[in-house]
Amino acid sequence: MPLYKTFTPNSQTTVKIWKITESYDELLKPLDLKPNSLERVLDMKSEWHQRGFLSVRHILRDLGYTDQDLFYDDNGKPHLKDGKCISITHSFLYSGVIVSDAEVGIDIEMQRDKIARIAPKFIDYEFNYLKNESETYINELTIIWCIKESLYKLFATPGMIFKDHFLVIPFMINDNETVAWIDYENKKYRYNTTFIEFEGFTCAYVIA
């Protein structure tokens, strides 16, 4: 079982990251999926998406849950039947789940140069402190994206825009944490965020 990392940020929160080394068939065989979950995975055109979806169910098993314990609301936000809060992510070789008593969000992304091309679509304020000639520019952009994606998953409100409503305070990569803000409909929300890097990937998570 390739559980890659486990974190316990506090006594009510667990983060688990899975390295996807198994084939689709190896991942599917031991799982008991709900009919609609099986339909979803069979409809996926990418095997990476299929394996990511299935590996998340293996993380759930490691956390003591099954696919039957997981459901989604009308905004696509996942929930657990026992009332605990959950957020889910997967990207190529890795998937991740965070479960907590508080609202949470998590995101994993591969560090790729193409993020620099789309940066103006999700960054505004942050350009004030980023330096595009820096050796760590791609890493910093990926961290910001992961933080904003995590906040979006936590808040789960249609109409929110990364560039306009999310703000990440300057940070040092080695600190593995920073502060982020949501500014939406004349209300401001402050969040402490955590990020890590491993094997060319970035993971960020936020706990309300």
N, C-alpha and C. Protein backbone atom coordinates (compact mmCIF):
# COMPACT_ATOMS: atom_id res chain seq x y z
N MET A 1 0.84 -1.19 0.00
CA MET A 1 0.00 0.00 0.00
C MET A 1 0.88 1.25 0.00
N PRO A 2 0.92 1.98 -1.09
CA PRO A 2 1.86 3.10 -1.20
C PRO A 2 1.36 4.41 -0.57
N LEU A 3 1.04 4.36 0.70
CA LEU A 3 0.73 5.60 1.41
C LEU A 3 2.05 6.35 1.55
N TYR A 4 2.11 7.55 0.99
CA TYR A 4 3.37 8.26 0.85
C TYR A 4 3.70 9.11 2.07
N LYS A 5 2.71 9.86 2.55
CA LYS A 5 2.94 10.73 3.71
C LYS A 5 1.65 10.83 4.52
N THR A 6 1.80 10.98 5.82
CA THR A 6 0.68 11.26 6.71
C THR A 6 1.07 12.41 7.63
N PHE A 7 0.18 13.40 7.74
CA PHE A 7 0.40 14.53 8.64
C PHE A 7 -0.79 14.63 9.60
N THR A 8 -0.51 15.07 10.80
CA THR A 8 -1.59 15.39 11.74
C THR A 8 -1.36 16.83 12.21
N PRO A 9 -1.86 17.81 11.43
CA PRO A 9 -1.63 19.22 11.77
C PRO A 9 -2.15 19.60 13.16
N ASN A 10 -3.22 18.94 13.59
CA ASN A 10 -3.72 19.10 14.96
C ASN A 10 -4.48 17.83 15.32
N SER A 11 -4.99 17.77 16.55
CA SER A 11 -5.59 16.53 17.04
C SER A 11 -6.89 16.19 16.32
N GLN A 12 -7.48 17.15 15.61
CA GLN A 12 -8.74 16.91 14.91
C GLN A 12 -8.56 16.74 13.39
N THR A 13 -7.31 16.78 12.91
CA THR A 13 -7.10 16.83 11.46
C THR A 13 -6.03 15.82 11.02
N THR A 14 -6.31 15.12 9.92
CA THR A 14 -5.35 14.19 9.34
C THR A 14 -5.23 14.46 7.84
N VAL A 15 -4.00 14.47 7.34
CA VAL A 15 -3.72 14.60 5.91
C VAL A 15 -2.98 13.35 5.47
N LYS A 16 -3.45 12.74 4.38
CA LYS A 16 -2.77 11.56 3.84
C LYS A 16 -2.53 11.76 2.35
N ILE A 17 -1.31 11.43 1.91
CA ILE A 17 -0.94 11.52 0.49
C ILE A 17 -0.55 10.13 0.00
N TRP A 18 -1.08 9.78 -1.16
CA TRP A 18 -0.87 8.45 -1.75
C TRP A 18 -0.05 8.59 -3.02
N LYS A 19 0.97 7.77 -3.18
CA LYS A 19 1.72 7.70 -4.43
C LYS A 19 1.13 6.59 -5.28
N ILE A 20 0.64 6.95 -6.46
CA ILE A 20 -0.12 6.01 -7.28
C ILE A 20 0.86 5.18 -8.13
N THR A 21 1.14 3.98 -7.66
CA THR A 21 2.03 3.07 -8.39
C THR A 21 1.27 1.88 -8.95
N GLU A 22 0.04 1.65 -8.48
CA GLU A 22 -0.74 0.49 -8.91
C GLU A 22 -1.41 0.74 -10.26
N SER A 23 -1.73 -0.33 -10.93
CA SER A 23 -2.50 -0.24 -12.16
C SER A 23 -3.97 0.04 -11.82
N TYR A 24 -4.71 0.38 -12.84
CA TYR A 24 -6.16 0.59 -12.67
C TYR A 24 -6.82 -0.65 -12.06
N ASP A 25 -6.51 -1.83 -12.60
CA ASP A 25 -7.14 -3.06 -12.11
C ASP A 25 -6.76 -3.36 -10.67
N GLU A 26 -5.50 -3.11 -10.32
CA GLU A 26 -5.06 -3.35 -8.94
C GLU A 26 -5.78 -2.43 -7.96
N LEU A 27 -6.03 -1.21 -8.37
CA LEU A 27 -6.73 -0.26 -7.51
C LEU A 27 -8.21 -0.60 -7.39
N LEU A 28 -8.81 -1.02 -8.48
CA LEU A 28 -10.26 -1.26 -8.50
C LEU A 28 -10.65 -2.52 -7.74
N LYS A 29 -9.86 -3.57 -7.87
CA LYS A 29 -10.26 -4.90 -7.39
C LYS A 29 -10.71 -4.95 -5.93
N PRO A 30 -9.97 -4.35 -4.98
CA PRO A 30 -10.38 -4.50 -3.57
C PRO A 30 -11.47 -3.54 -3.11
N LEU A 31 -11.92 -2.65 -3.99
CA LEU A 31 -12.87 -1.61 -3.58
C LEU A 31 -14.31 -2.04 -3.77
N ASP A 32 -15.16 -1.56 -2.88
CA ASP A 32 -16.61 -1.73 -2.99
C ASP A 32 -17.20 -0.36 -3.31
N LEU A 33 -17.38 -0.08 -4.59
CA LEU A 33 -17.84 1.24 -5.02
C LEU A 33 -19.36 1.29 -5.14
N LYS A 34 -19.91 2.45 -4.80
CA LYS A 34 -21.33 2.69 -5.07
C LYS A 34 -21.55 2.65 -6.58
N PRO A 35 -22.77 2.29 -7.02
CA PRO A 35 -23.04 2.25 -8.46
C PRO A 35 -22.69 3.54 -9.19
N ASN A 36 -23.01 4.69 -8.59
CA ASN A 36 -22.72 5.95 -9.29
C ASN A 36 -21.22 6.24 -9.31
N SER A 37 -20.47 5.77 -8.30
CA SER A 37 -19.02 5.94 -8.31
C SER A 37 -18.39 5.07 -9.39
N LEU A 38 -18.88 3.85 -9.51
CA LEU A 38 -18.37 2.96 -10.56
C LEU A 38 -18.68 3.53 -11.94
N GLU A 39 -19.87 4.08 -12.09
CA GLU A 39 -20.23 4.70 -13.36
C GLU A 39 -19.32 5.88 -13.68
N ARG A 40 -19.02 6.69 -12.65
CA ARG A 40 -18.13 7.84 -12.85
C ARG A 40 -16.75 7.39 -13.33
N VAL A 41 -16.19 6.39 -12.67
CA VAL A 41 -14.82 6.00 -13.00
C VAL A 41 -14.78 5.33 -14.38
N LEU A 42 -15.82 4.61 -14.75
CA LEU A 42 -15.85 3.97 -16.06
C LEU A 42 -16.00 5.00 -17.18
N ASP A 43 -16.62 6.13 -16.87
CA ASP A 43 -16.83 7.18 -17.87
C ASP A 43 -15.60 8.07 -18.08
N MET A 44 -14.62 7.96 -17.16
CA MET A 44 -13.43 8.81 -17.28
C MET A 44 -12.58 8.37 -18.46
N LYS A 45 -12.20 9.32 -19.29
CA LYS A 45 -11.43 9.00 -20.49
C LYS A 45 -9.94 8.84 -20.21
N SER A 46 -9.45 9.43 -19.12
CA SER A 46 -8.03 9.37 -18.78
C SER A 46 -7.79 8.33 -17.70
N GLU A 47 -6.80 7.44 -17.95
CA GLU A 47 -6.48 6.46 -16.92
C GLU A 47 -5.88 7.12 -15.68
N TRP A 48 -5.20 8.25 -15.86
CA TRP A 48 -4.69 8.98 -14.69
C TRP A 48 -5.84 9.42 -13.80
N HIS A 49 -6.92 9.92 -14.40
CA HIS A 49 -8.08 10.34 -13.60
C HIS A 49 -8.71 9.13 -12.91
N GLN A 50 -8.79 8.03 -13.62
CA GLN A 50 -9.36 6.82 -13.03
C GLN A 50 -8.53 6.36 -11.83
N ARG A 51 -7.22 6.32 -12.02
CA ARG A 51 -6.35 5.85 -10.94
C ARG A 51 -6.35 6.84 -9.77
N GLY A 52 -6.43 8.14 -10.09
CA GLY A 52 -6.53 9.13 -9.02
C GLY A 52 -7.81 8.96 -8.22
N PHE A 53 -8.91 8.80 -8.91
CA PHE A 53 -10.21 8.60 -8.27
C PHE A 53 -10.18 7.38 -7.35
N LEU A 54 -9.64 6.28 -7.87
CA LEU A 54 -9.61 5.03 -7.09
C LEU A 54 -8.64 5.12 -5.92
N SER A 55 -7.50 5.78 -6.12
CA SER A 55 -6.54 5.88 -5.02
C SER A 55 -7.10 6.69 -3.86
N VAL A 56 -7.94 7.67 -4.17
CA VAL A 56 -8.61 8.43 -3.10
C VAL A 56 -9.46 7.50 -2.25
N ARG A 57 -10.13 6.53 -2.90
CA ARG A 57 -10.95 5.57 -2.13
C ARG A 57 -10.08 4.68 -1.26
N HIS A 58 -8.85 4.42 -1.68
CA HIS A 58 -7.93 3.66 -0.83
C HIS A 58 -7.50 4.50 0.38
N ILE A 59 -7.30 5.79 0.17
CA ILE A 59 -6.99 6.66 1.32
C ILE A 59 -8.16 6.67 2.30
N LEU A 60 -9.38 6.73 1.77
CA LEU A 60 -10.56 6.68 2.64
C LEU A 60 -10.55 5.41 3.49
N ARG A 61 -10.22 4.29 2.86
CA ARG A 61 -10.15 3.03 3.62
C ARG A 61 -9.12 3.12 4.73
N ASP A 62 -7.98 3.74 4.44
CA ASP A 62 -6.93 3.89 5.45
C ASP A 62 -7.39 4.78 6.60
N LEU A 63 -8.32 5.69 6.30
CA LEU A 63 -8.88 6.59 7.32
C LEU A 63 -10.08 5.98 8.05
N GLY A 64 -10.47 4.79 7.64
CA GLY A 64 -11.58 4.12 8.29
C GLY A 64 -12.92 4.34 7.63
N TYR A 65 -12.92 4.84 6.38
CA TYR A 65 -14.16 5.10 5.66
C TYR A 65 -14.25 4.21 4.44
N THR A 66 -15.44 4.20 3.82
CA THR A 66 -15.63 3.52 2.55
C THR A 66 -16.21 4.52 1.55
N ASP A 67 -16.32 4.09 0.32
CA ASP A 67 -16.93 4.94 -0.70
C ASP A 67 -18.36 5.31 -0.33
N GLN A 68 -19.03 4.42 0.40
CA GLN A 68 -20.41 4.68 0.81
C GLN A 68 -20.52 5.83 1.82
N ASP A 69 -19.43 6.14 2.49
CA ASP A 69 -19.43 7.23 3.48
C ASP A 69 -19.27 8.60 2.85
N LEU A 70 -18.94 8.64 1.55
CA LEU A 70 -18.62 9.90 0.87
C LEU A 70 -19.78 10.31 -0.03
N PHE A 71 -20.15 11.60 0.05
CA PHE A 71 -21.15 12.12 -0.88
C PHE A 71 -20.80 13.57 -1.22
N TYR A 72 -21.44 14.08 -2.28
CA TYR A 72 -21.13 15.41 -2.79
C TYR A 72 -22.39 16.28 -2.78
N ASP A 73 -22.22 17.57 -2.46
CA ASP A 73 -23.37 18.48 -2.49
C ASP A 73 -23.53 19.06 -3.89
N ASP A 74 -24.50 19.98 -4.04
CA ASP A 74 -24.81 20.52 -5.36
C ASP A 74 -23.67 21.34 -5.96
N ASN A 75 -22.75 21.83 -5.10
CA ASN A 75 -21.59 22.58 -5.59
C ASN A 75 -20.39 21.69 -5.87
N GLY A 76 -20.58 20.38 -5.72
CA GLY A 76 -19.49 19.44 -5.96
C GLY A 76 -18.53 19.28 -4.80
N LYS A 77 -18.90 19.80 -3.64
CA LYS A 77 -18.03 19.68 -2.47
C LYS A 77 -18.27 18.35 -1.78
N PRO A 78 -17.20 17.61 -1.46
CA PRO A 78 -17.37 16.31 -0.80
C PRO A 78 -17.70 16.46 0.68
N HIS A 79 -18.44 15.49 1.20
CA HIS A 79 -18.80 15.44 2.61
C HIS A 79 -18.74 13.99 3.08
N LEU A 80 -18.60 13.82 4.38
CA LEU A 80 -18.63 12.50 5.00
C LEU A 80 -19.90 12.35 5.82
N LYS A 81 -20.45 11.16 5.84
CA LYS A 81 -21.73 10.94 6.52
C LYS A 81 -21.65 11.14 8.02
N ASP A 82 -20.45 10.99 8.60
CA ASP A 82 -20.33 11.18 10.05
C ASP A 82 -20.21 12.65 10.45
N GLY A 83 -20.26 13.56 9.46
CA GLY A 83 -20.23 14.98 9.75
C GLY A 83 -18.84 15.60 9.72
N LYS A 84 -17.81 14.78 9.61
CA LYS A 84 -16.46 15.33 9.48
C LYS A 84 -16.30 16.03 8.14
N CYS A 85 -15.40 17.00 8.09
CA CYS A 85 -15.14 17.74 6.85
C CYS A 85 -14.02 17.05 6.08
N ILE A 86 -14.12 17.08 4.74
CA ILE A 86 -13.14 16.40 3.91
C ILE A 86 -12.86 17.22 2.66
N SER A 87 -11.63 17.13 2.17
CA SER A 87 -11.27 17.69 0.87
C SER A 87 -10.36 16.69 0.18
N ILE A 88 -10.44 16.67 -1.15
CA ILE A 88 -9.81 15.62 -1.96
C ILE A 88 -9.04 16.26 -3.12
N THR A 89 -7.92 15.65 -3.50
CA THR A 89 -7.16 16.13 -4.65
C THR A 89 -6.40 14.98 -5.28
N HIS A 90 -6.14 15.08 -6.58
CA HIS A 90 -5.19 14.16 -7.21
C HIS A 90 -4.59 14.82 -8.44
N SER A 91 -3.31 14.50 -8.68
CA SER A 91 -2.58 15.07 -9.80
C SER A 91 -1.51 14.07 -10.23
N PHE A 92 -1.72 13.44 -11.39
CA PHE A 92 -0.77 12.50 -11.94
C PHE A 92 -0.41 11.40 -10.93
N LEU A 93 0.81 11.44 -10.37
CA LEU A 93 1.29 10.35 -9.51
C LEU A 93 0.77 10.38 -8.09
N TYR A 94 0.10 11.46 -7.69
CA TYR A 94 -0.25 11.61 -6.28
C TYR A 94 -1.71 11.97 -6.09
N SER A 95 -2.25 11.48 -4.98
CA SER A 95 -3.57 11.90 -4.55
C SER A 95 -3.48 12.23 -3.06
N GLY A 96 -4.43 13.03 -2.60
CA GLY A 96 -4.40 13.44 -1.20
C GLY A 96 -5.80 13.66 -0.64
N VAL A 97 -5.94 13.43 0.66
CA VAL A 97 -7.19 13.64 1.36
C VAL A 97 -6.88 14.31 2.70
N ILE A 98 -7.70 15.27 3.07
CA ILE A 98 -7.62 15.87 4.40
C ILE A 98 -8.99 15.72 5.05
N VAL A 99 -8.99 15.26 6.30
CA VAL A 99 -10.22 15.08 7.06
C VAL A 99 -10.06 15.81 8.39
N SER A 100 -11.11 16.54 8.79
CA SER A 100 -10.99 17.36 10.00
C SER A 100 -12.38 17.64 10.59
N ASP A 101 -12.38 18.10 11.84
CA ASP A 101 -13.62 18.60 12.43
C ASP A 101 -13.97 19.98 11.87
N ALA A 102 -12.97 20.68 11.32
CA ALA A 102 -13.17 22.02 10.77
C ALA A 102 -13.23 21.96 9.25
N GLU A 103 -13.73 23.02 8.62
CA GLU A 103 -13.73 23.09 7.16
C GLU A 103 -12.29 23.09 6.65
N VAL A 104 -12.06 22.37 5.54
CA VAL A 104 -10.70 22.19 5.03
C VAL A 104 -10.68 22.25 3.50
N GLY A 105 -9.48 22.44 2.97
CA GLY A 105 -9.24 22.35 1.54
C GLY A 105 -7.84 21.86 1.30
N ILE A 106 -7.65 21.09 0.21
CA ILE A 106 -6.32 20.57 -0.12
C ILE A 106 -6.16 20.55 -1.64
N ASP A 107 -4.92 20.74 -2.10
CA ASP A 107 -4.64 20.63 -3.53
C ASP A 107 -3.21 20.14 -3.73
N ILE A 108 -3.03 19.28 -4.74
CA ILE A 108 -1.71 18.83 -5.18
C ILE A 108 -1.58 19.16 -6.65
N GLU A 109 -0.42 19.70 -7.05
CA GLU A 109 -0.16 20.01 -8.46
C GLU A 109 1.27 19.65 -8.81
N MET A 110 1.46 19.19 -10.04
CA MET A 110 2.81 18.99 -10.55
C MET A 110 3.42 20.35 -10.88
N GLN A 111 4.69 20.52 -10.58
CA GLN A 111 5.39 21.77 -10.88
C GLN A 111 5.77 21.76 -12.36
N ARG A 112 5.12 22.62 -13.14
CA ARG A 112 5.36 22.65 -14.59
C ARG A 112 5.53 24.09 -15.08
N ASP A 113 6.41 24.26 -16.05
CA ASP A 113 6.72 25.60 -16.56
C ASP A 113 5.50 26.31 -17.12
N LYS A 114 4.54 25.55 -17.63
CA LYS A 114 3.39 26.19 -18.28
C LYS A 114 2.55 27.02 -17.33
N ILE A 115 2.73 26.85 -16.01
CA ILE A 115 1.97 27.66 -15.06
C ILE A 115 2.31 29.14 -15.20
N ALA A 116 3.54 29.44 -15.69
CA ALA A 116 3.94 30.84 -15.88
C ALA A 116 3.07 31.52 -16.93
N ARG A 117 2.62 30.76 -17.94
CA ARG A 117 1.80 31.34 -19.00
C ARG A 117 0.40 31.70 -18.51
N ILE A 118 -0.10 30.93 -17.57
CA ILE A 118 -1.46 31.21 -17.09
C ILE A 118 -1.48 32.05 -15.81
N ALA A 119 -0.30 32.41 -15.31
CA ALA A 119 -0.23 33.16 -14.05
C ALA A 119 -1.12 34.41 -14.03
N PRO A 120 -1.17 35.20 -15.11
CA PRO A 120 -2.03 36.40 -15.07
C PRO A 120 -3.51 36.09 -14.87
N LYS A 121 -3.89 34.84 -15.08
CA LYS A 121 -5.30 34.47 -14.89
C LYS A 121 -5.66 34.21 -13.43
N PHE A 122 -4.65 33.92 -12.59
CA PHE A 122 -4.98 33.62 -11.20
C PHE A 122 -4.20 34.45 -10.19
N ILE A 123 -3.36 35.36 -10.68
CA ILE A 123 -2.54 36.19 -9.79
C ILE A 123 -2.75 37.67 -10.12
N ASP A 124 -2.82 38.48 -9.08
CA ASP A 124 -2.84 39.94 -9.24
C ASP A 124 -1.88 40.54 -8.22
N TYR A 125 -2.32 40.66 -6.97
CA TYR A 125 -1.50 41.22 -5.89
C TYR A 125 -0.14 40.54 -5.81
N GLU A 126 -0.09 39.23 -5.98
CA GLU A 126 1.14 38.47 -5.76
C GLU A 126 2.26 38.85 -6.71
N PHE A 127 1.93 39.44 -7.87
CA PHE A 127 2.98 39.89 -8.79
C PHE A 127 3.84 40.98 -8.16
N ASN A 128 3.35 41.63 -7.10
CA ASN A 128 4.12 42.67 -6.42
C ASN A 128 5.37 42.12 -5.74
N TYR A 129 5.34 40.85 -5.38
CA TYR A 129 6.52 40.30 -4.69
C TYR A 129 7.19 39.15 -5.45
N LEU A 130 6.56 38.63 -6.48
CA LEU A 130 7.18 37.57 -7.27
C LEU A 130 8.21 38.14 -8.24
N LYS A 131 9.27 37.39 -8.51
CA LYS A 131 10.30 37.79 -9.47
C LYS A 131 10.42 36.70 -10.51
N ASN A 132 9.99 37.02 -11.76
CA ASN A 132 9.93 35.96 -12.76
C ASN A 132 11.30 35.49 -13.24
N GLU A 133 12.36 36.18 -12.85
CA GLU A 133 13.70 35.69 -13.19
C GLU A 133 14.26 34.79 -12.09
N SER A 134 13.51 34.62 -11.01
CA SER A 134 13.97 33.81 -9.89
C SER A 134 14.00 32.33 -10.26
N GLU A 135 14.96 31.60 -9.69
CA GLU A 135 15.05 30.16 -9.91
C GLU A 135 13.85 29.42 -9.32
N THR A 136 13.20 30.04 -8.37
CA THR A 136 12.08 29.39 -7.68
C THR A 136 10.72 29.91 -8.16
N TYR A 137 10.71 30.64 -9.27
CA TYR A 137 9.47 31.27 -9.75
C TYR A 137 8.36 30.24 -10.00
N ILE A 138 8.68 29.16 -10.68
CA ILE A 138 7.67 28.13 -10.97
C ILE A 138 7.16 27.50 -9.68
N ASN A 139 8.07 27.24 -8.76
CA ASN A 139 7.66 26.68 -7.47
C ASN A 139 6.72 27.63 -6.74
N GLU A 140 7.07 28.92 -6.75
CA GLU A 140 6.24 29.90 -6.04
C GLU A 140 4.86 30.03 -6.68
N LEU A 141 4.81 30.03 -8.00
CA LEU A 141 3.52 30.08 -8.68
C LEU A 141 2.68 28.86 -8.33
N THR A 142 3.31 27.70 -8.29
CA THR A 142 2.58 26.47 -7.99
C THR A 142 2.05 26.48 -6.57
N ILE A 143 2.85 27.00 -5.64
CA ILE A 143 2.39 27.13 -4.26
C ILE A 143 1.17 28.04 -4.18
N ILE A 144 1.23 29.17 -4.86
CA ILE A 144 0.10 30.12 -4.84
C ILE A 144 -1.14 29.48 -5.43
N TRP A 145 -0.98 28.79 -6.57
CA TRP A 145 -2.12 28.11 -7.17
C TRP A 145 -2.74 27.09 -6.19
N CYS A 146 -1.88 26.27 -5.57
CA CYS A 146 -2.37 25.25 -4.65
C CYS A 146 -3.10 25.87 -3.46
N ILE A 147 -2.57 26.96 -2.94
CA ILE A 147 -3.22 27.63 -1.82
C ILE A 147 -4.58 28.15 -2.24
N LYS A 148 -4.64 28.81 -3.39
CA LYS A 148 -5.91 29.38 -3.84
C LYS A 148 -6.93 28.28 -4.17
N GLU A 149 -6.46 27.20 -4.76
CA GLU A 149 -7.36 26.07 -5.04
C GLU A 149 -7.88 25.47 -3.74
N SER A 150 -7.03 25.37 -2.73
CA SER A 150 -7.45 24.84 -1.43
C SER A 150 -8.50 25.75 -0.79
N LEU A 151 -8.29 27.06 -0.88
CA LEU A 151 -9.27 28.00 -0.35
C LEU A 151 -10.60 27.90 -1.08
N TYR A 152 -10.51 27.74 -2.40
CA TYR A 152 -11.73 27.62 -3.20
C TYR A 152 -12.52 26.37 -2.79
N LYS A 153 -11.81 25.27 -2.56
CA LYS A 153 -12.48 24.04 -2.14
C LYS A 153 -13.09 24.19 -0.76
N LEU A 154 -12.39 24.89 0.13
CA LEU A 154 -12.92 25.10 1.47
C LEU A 154 -14.18 25.96 1.44
N PHE A 155 -14.13 27.04 0.69
CA PHE A 155 -15.23 28.01 0.67
C PHE A 155 -16.40 27.50 -0.17
N ALA A 156 -16.10 26.81 -1.27
CA ALA A 156 -17.11 26.15 -2.11
C ALA A 156 -18.28 27.06 -2.45
N THR A 157 -17.97 28.24 -2.98
CA THR A 157 -18.99 29.21 -3.36
C THR A 157 -18.85 29.56 -4.83
N PRO A 158 -19.84 29.22 -5.67
CA PRO A 158 -19.76 29.56 -7.09
C PRO A 158 -19.60 31.06 -7.30
N GLY A 159 -18.81 31.42 -8.29
CA GLY A 159 -18.62 32.83 -8.61
C GLY A 159 -17.33 33.42 -8.08
N MET A 160 -16.63 32.68 -7.21
CA MET A 160 -15.36 33.18 -6.69
C MET A 160 -14.28 33.03 -7.76
N ILE A 161 -13.41 34.04 -7.86
CA ILE A 161 -12.36 34.07 -8.87
C ILE A 161 -11.00 34.18 -8.18
N PHE A 162 -10.08 33.29 -8.55
CA PHE A 162 -8.77 33.26 -7.91
C PHE A 162 -8.09 34.63 -7.91
N LYS A 163 -8.09 35.27 -9.05
CA LYS A 163 -7.37 36.53 -9.22
C LYS A 163 -7.99 37.66 -8.41
N ASP A 164 -9.31 37.67 -8.30
CA ASP A 164 -10.02 38.79 -7.70
C ASP A 164 -10.32 38.61 -6.21
N HIS A 165 -10.50 37.37 -5.78
CA HIS A 165 -11.03 37.16 -4.43
C HIS A 165 -10.07 36.46 -3.48
N PHE A 166 -8.91 36.01 -3.98
CA PHE A 166 -7.94 35.30 -3.14
C PHE A 166 -6.60 36.02 -3.17
N LEU A 167 -5.97 36.10 -2.01
CA LEU A 167 -4.71 36.84 -1.88
C LEU A 167 -3.77 36.05 -0.98
N VAL A 168 -2.55 35.83 -1.46
CA VAL A 168 -1.54 35.09 -0.70
C VAL A 168 -0.43 36.04 -0.28
N ILE A 169 -0.19 36.12 1.02
CA ILE A 169 0.84 37.00 1.59
C ILE A 169 2.23 36.49 1.19
N PRO A 170 3.23 37.38 1.04
CA PRO A 170 4.59 36.92 0.71
C PRO A 170 5.09 35.82 1.64
N PHE A 171 5.86 34.90 1.10
CA PHE A 171 6.29 33.74 1.86
C PHE A 171 7.68 33.32 1.42
N MET A 172 8.32 32.53 2.28
CA MET A 172 9.57 31.85 1.94
C MET A 172 9.26 30.37 1.77
N ILE A 173 9.76 29.76 0.70
CA ILE A 173 9.44 28.37 0.45
C ILE A 173 9.85 27.48 1.62
N ASN A 174 10.98 27.77 2.23
CA ASN A 174 11.46 26.93 3.33
C ASN A 174 10.60 27.01 4.58
N ASP A 175 9.76 28.05 4.66
CA ASP A 175 8.90 28.19 5.83
C ASP A 175 7.72 27.21 5.79
N ASN A 176 7.33 26.79 4.60
CA ASN A 176 6.23 25.84 4.42
C ASN A 176 4.88 26.34 4.96
N GLU A 177 4.75 27.64 5.13
CA GLU A 177 3.47 28.17 5.58
C GLU A 177 3.39 29.66 5.26
N THR A 178 2.16 30.15 5.14
CA THR A 178 1.94 31.57 4.94
C THR A 178 0.49 31.87 5.32
N VAL A 179 0.11 33.12 5.13
CA VAL A 179 -1.27 33.56 5.40
C VAL A 179 -1.93 33.90 4.08
N ALA A 180 -3.18 33.55 3.94
CA ALA A 180 -3.95 33.90 2.75
C ALA A 180 -5.28 34.52 3.17
N TRP A 181 -5.82 35.33 2.27
CA TRP A 181 -7.07 36.03 2.54
C TRP A 181 -8.07 35.75 1.44
N ILE A 182 -9.32 35.68 1.83
CA ILE A 182 -10.44 35.72 0.88
C ILE A 182 -11.15 37.05 1.09
N ASP A 183 -11.31 37.79 0.02
CA ASP A 183 -12.03 39.07 0.04
C ASP A 183 -13.21 38.92 -0.91
N TYR A 184 -14.41 38.70 -0.34
CA TYR A 184 -15.56 38.35 -1.17
C TYR A 184 -16.83 38.99 -0.62
N GLU A 185 -17.51 39.70 -1.48
CA GLU A 185 -18.77 40.35 -1.14
C GLU A 185 -18.67 41.16 0.16
N ASN A 186 -17.63 42.03 0.17
CA ASN A 186 -17.41 42.97 1.28
C ASN A 186 -17.10 42.29 2.61
N LYS A 187 -16.66 41.04 2.57
CA LYS A 187 -16.22 40.35 3.78
C LYS A 187 -14.82 39.80 3.54
N LYS A 188 -14.02 39.82 4.62
CA LYS A 188 -12.65 39.32 4.53
C LYS A 188 -12.46 38.15 5.49
N TYR A 189 -11.77 37.13 5.01
CA TYR A 189 -11.53 35.94 5.81
C TYR A 189 -10.04 35.62 5.76
N ARG A 190 -9.45 35.39 6.94
CA ARG A 190 -8.01 35.14 7.04
C ARG A 190 -7.77 33.66 7.34
N TYR A 191 -6.79 33.07 6.65
CA TYR A 191 -6.49 31.65 6.85
C TYR A 191 -4.98 31.43 6.93
N ASN A 192 -4.57 30.60 7.88
CA ASN A 192 -3.21 30.10 7.90
C ASN A 192 -3.14 28.92 6.92
N THR A 193 -2.13 28.90 6.07
CA THR A 193 -2.01 27.85 5.07
C THR A 193 -0.67 27.15 5.20
N THR A 194 -0.64 25.89 4.82
CA THR A 194 0.58 25.07 4.88
C THR A 194 0.85 24.49 3.49
N PHE A 195 2.12 24.43 3.11
CA PHE A 195 2.47 23.83 1.82
C PHE A 195 3.76 23.03 1.96
N ILE A 196 3.88 22.00 1.13
CA ILE A 196 5.08 21.18 1.10
C ILE A 196 5.41 20.88 -0.37
N GLU A 197 6.68 20.55 -0.62
CA GLU A 197 7.11 20.14 -1.96
C GLU A 197 7.75 18.76 -1.86
N PHE A 198 7.51 17.92 -2.88
CA PHE A 198 8.11 16.59 -2.91
C PHE A 198 8.11 16.06 -4.35
N GLU A 199 9.24 15.57 -4.79
CA GLU A 199 9.39 14.88 -6.07
C GLU A 199 8.74 15.62 -7.24
N GLY A 200 8.93 16.94 -7.28
CA GLY A 200 8.41 17.73 -8.39
C GLY A 200 6.94 18.09 -8.27
N PHE A 201 6.36 17.91 -7.11
CA PHE A 201 4.96 18.23 -6.85
C PHE A 201 4.87 19.19 -5.66
N THR A 202 3.75 19.90 -5.61
CA THR A 202 3.45 20.80 -4.49
C THR A 202 2.09 20.42 -3.93
N CYS A 203 2.00 20.42 -2.61
CA CYS A 203 0.71 20.21 -1.93
C CYS A 203 0.51 21.36 -0.95
N ALA A 204 -0.69 21.91 -0.96
CA ALA A 204 -1.07 22.91 0.03
C ALA A 204 -2.38 22.51 0.67
N TYR A 205 -2.54 22.86 1.93
CA TYR A 205 -3.83 22.64 2.58
C TYR A 205 -4.13 23.78 3.54
N VAL A 206 -5.41 23.97 3.79
CA VAL A 206 -5.87 25.03 4.67
C VAL A 206 -6.96 24.49 5.56
N ILE A 207 -6.92 24.93 6.82
CA ILE A 207 -7.90 24.51 7.83
C ILE A 207 -8.55 25.76 8.40
N ALA A 208 -9.86 25.80 8.40
CA ALA A 208 -10.58 26.98 8.89
C ALA A 208 -10.39 27.16 10.39
